[in-house]
């Protein structure tokens, strides 16, 4: 699968995330799909970080990434890992 194919169906993936967890949906809503090497999907949050503060959300992000991976698997039938820029 190519990055453009994922981009074309990204709203479907986000809808599947929303069915599981609204907070996770909100966190990925502003993500840009930066790269996909066939295994790792890299998300760019640079625009979203403009409004962020210094809070540490790493424990929450692990759960959110798992939800996103589950939704991608369900909608796109591919297994990925998530990386962030």
C-alpha atoms as a PDB file:
ATOM      1  CA  UNK A   1       0.000   0.000   0.000  1.00  0.00           C
ATOM      2  CA  UNK A   2       1.202   3.499  -0.843  1.00  0.00           C
ATOM      3  CA  UNK A   3       0.927   6.625   1.325  1.00  0.00           C
ATOM      4  CA  UNK A   4      -1.593   8.184  -1.071  1.00  0.00           C
ATOM      5  CA  UNK A   5      -3.881   5.171  -0.688  1.00  0.00           C
ATOM      6  CA  UNK A   6      -3.807   5.622   3.089  1.00  0.00           C
ATOM      7  CA  UNK A   7      -4.497   9.358   2.681  1.00  0.00           C
ATOM      8  CA  UNK A   8      -7.446   8.594   0.415  1.00  0.00           C
ATOM      9  CA  UNK A   9      -9.064   6.481   3.138  1.00  0.00           C
ATOM     10  CA  UNK A  10      -7.808   8.380   6.211  1.00  0.00           C
ATOM     11  CA  UNK A  11     -11.291   9.679   7.086  1.00  0.00           C
ATOM     12  CA  UNK A  12     -12.526   6.080   7.248  1.00  0.00           C
ATOM     13  CA  UNK A  13      -9.674   5.258   9.628  1.00  0.00           C
ATOM     14  CA  UNK A  14     -10.527   8.285  11.777  1.00  0.00           C
ATOM     15  CA  UNK A  15     -14.193   7.234  11.840  1.00  0.00           C
ATOM     16  CA  UNK A  16     -13.130   3.804  13.119  1.00  0.00           C
ATOM     17  CA  UNK A  17     -10.981   5.463  15.807  1.00  0.00           C
ATOM     18  CA  UNK A  18     -13.955   7.621  16.805  1.00  0.00           C
ATOM     19  CA  UNK A  19     -16.081   4.498  17.329  1.00  0.00           C
ATOM     20  CA  UNK A  20     -13.519   3.314  19.893  1.00  0.00           C
ATOM     21  CA  UNK A  21     -12.394   6.513  21.618  1.00  0.00           C
ATOM     22  CA  UNK A  22     -13.285  10.160  20.969  1.00  0.00           C
ATOM     23  CA  UNK A  23     -10.168  11.530  22.697  1.00  0.00           C
ATOM     24  CA  UNK A  24      -7.943   9.441  20.434  1.00  0.00           C
ATOM     25  CA  UNK A  25      -9.902  10.682  17.433  1.00  0.00           C
ATOM     26  CA  UNK A  26      -9.271  14.267  18.522  1.00  0.00           C
ATOM     27  CA  UNK A  27      -5.561  13.628  18.938  1.00  0.00           C
ATOM     28  CA  UNK A  28      -5.159  12.198  15.413  1.00  0.00           C
ATOM     29  CA  UNK A  29      -7.574  14.560  13.664  1.00  0.00           C
ATOM     30  CA  UNK A  30      -4.849  17.183  13.096  1.00  0.00           C
ATOM     31  CA  UNK A  31      -2.095  14.706  12.225  1.00  0.00           C
ATOM     32  CA  UNK A  32      -0.618  14.854   8.759  1.00  0.00           C
ATOM     33  CA  UNK A  33       0.418  11.621   7.114  1.00  0.00           C
ATOM     34  CA  UNK A  34       4.095  12.297   6.458  1.00  0.00           C
ATOM     35  CA  UNK A  35       5.611   8.998   5.297  1.00  0.00           C
ATOM     36  CA  UNK A  36       4.869   5.323   4.883  1.00  0.00           C
ATOM     37  CA  UNK A  37       7.655   2.854   4.151  1.00  0.00           C
ATOM     38  CA  UNK A  38       5.412  -0.185   3.874  1.00  0.00           C
ATOM     39  CA  UNK A  39       5.585  -0.871   7.603  1.00  0.00           C
ATOM     40  CA  UNK A  40       5.876   2.362   9.581  1.00  0.00           C
ATOM     41  CA  UNK A  41       3.379   5.194   9.179  1.00  0.00           C
ATOM     42  CA  UNK A  42       4.926   8.501  10.237  1.00  0.00           C
ATOM     43  CA  UNK A  43       2.552  11.168  11.503  1.00  0.00           C
ATOM     44  CA  UNK A  44       3.442  14.866  11.564  1.00  0.00           C
ATOM     45  CA  UNK A  45       1.928  16.861  14.416  1.00  0.00           C
ATOM     46  CA  UNK A  46       3.861  20.085  13.798  1.00  0.00           C
ATOM     47  CA  UNK A  47       0.710  22.158  13.192  1.00  0.00           C
ATOM     48  CA  UNK A  48      -1.028  20.747  16.270  1.00  0.00           C
ATOM     49  CA  UNK A  49       2.010  21.478  18.471  1.00  0.00           C
ATOM     50  CA  UNK A  50       1.626  25.196  17.841  1.00  0.00           C
ATOM     51  CA  UNK A  51      -1.233  25.165  20.341  1.00  0.00           C
ATOM     52  CA  UNK A  52       0.193  22.656  22.800  1.00  0.00           C
ATOM     53  CA  UNK A  53       1.913  23.190  26.097  1.00  0.00           C
ATOM     54  CA  UNK A  54       4.522  21.299  28.080  1.00  0.00           C
ATOM     55  CA  UNK A  55       2.265  18.545  29.421  1.00  0.00           C
ATOM     56  CA  UNK A  56       3.550  14.984  29.153  1.00  0.00           C
ATOM     57  CA  UNK A  57       1.082  12.617  27.502  1.00  0.00           C
ATOM     58  CA  UNK A  58       3.347   9.692  26.593  1.00  0.00           C
ATOM     59  CA  UNK A  59       1.307   7.097  28.525  1.00  0.00           C
ATOM     60  CA  UNK A  60      -1.901   8.254  26.865  1.00  0.00           C
ATOM     61  CA  UNK A  61      -0.218   8.347  23.448  1.00  0.00           C
ATOM     62  CA  UNK A  62       0.658   4.634  23.717  1.00  0.00           C
ATOM     63  CA  UNK A  63      -3.037   3.791  24.114  1.00  0.00           C
ATOM     64  CA  UNK A  64      -4.026   6.157  21.317  1.00  0.00           C
ATOM     65  CA  UNK A  65      -1.450   4.671  18.948  1.00  0.00           C
ATOM     66  CA  UNK A  66      -2.800   1.189  19.682  1.00  0.00           C
ATOM     67  CA  UNK A  67      -6.318   2.356  18.841  1.00  0.00           C
ATOM     68  CA  UNK A  68      -5.068   3.920  15.598  1.00  0.00           C
ATOM     69  CA  UNK A  69      -3.184   0.747  14.632  1.00  0.00           C
ATOM     70  CA  UNK A  70      -6.342  -1.272  15.292  1.00  0.00           C
ATOM     71  CA  UNK A  71      -8.422   1.065  13.102  1.00  0.00           C
ATOM     72  CA  UNK A  72      -5.872   0.994  10.265  1.00  0.00           C
ATOM     73  CA  UNK A  73      -5.841  -2.803  10.385  1.00  0.00           C
ATOM     74  CA  UNK A  74      -9.645  -2.931  10.313  1.00  0.00           C
ATOM     75  CA  UNK A  75     -10.129  -0.408   7.491  1.00  0.00           C
ATOM     76  CA  UNK A  76      -7.022  -0.882   5.346  1.00  0.00           C
ATOM     77  CA  UNK A  77      -6.168  -4.506   6.197  1.00  0.00           C
ATOM     78  CA  UNK A  78      -2.493  -3.672   6.804  1.00  0.00           C
ATOM     79  CA  UNK A  79      -0.335  -3.912   9.914  1.00  0.00           C
ATOM     80  CA  UNK A  80       1.706  -0.819  10.718  1.00  0.00           C
ATOM     81  CA  UNK A  81       3.736   0.750  13.471  1.00  0.00           C
ATOM     82  CA  UNK A  82       3.339   4.438  14.226  1.00  0.00           C
ATOM     83  CA  UNK A  83       6.129   7.002  14.344  1.00  0.00           C
ATOM     84  CA  UNK A  84       5.835  10.724  15.028  1.00  0.00           C
ATOM     85  CA  UNK A  85       7.776  13.684  13.713  1.00  0.00           C
END
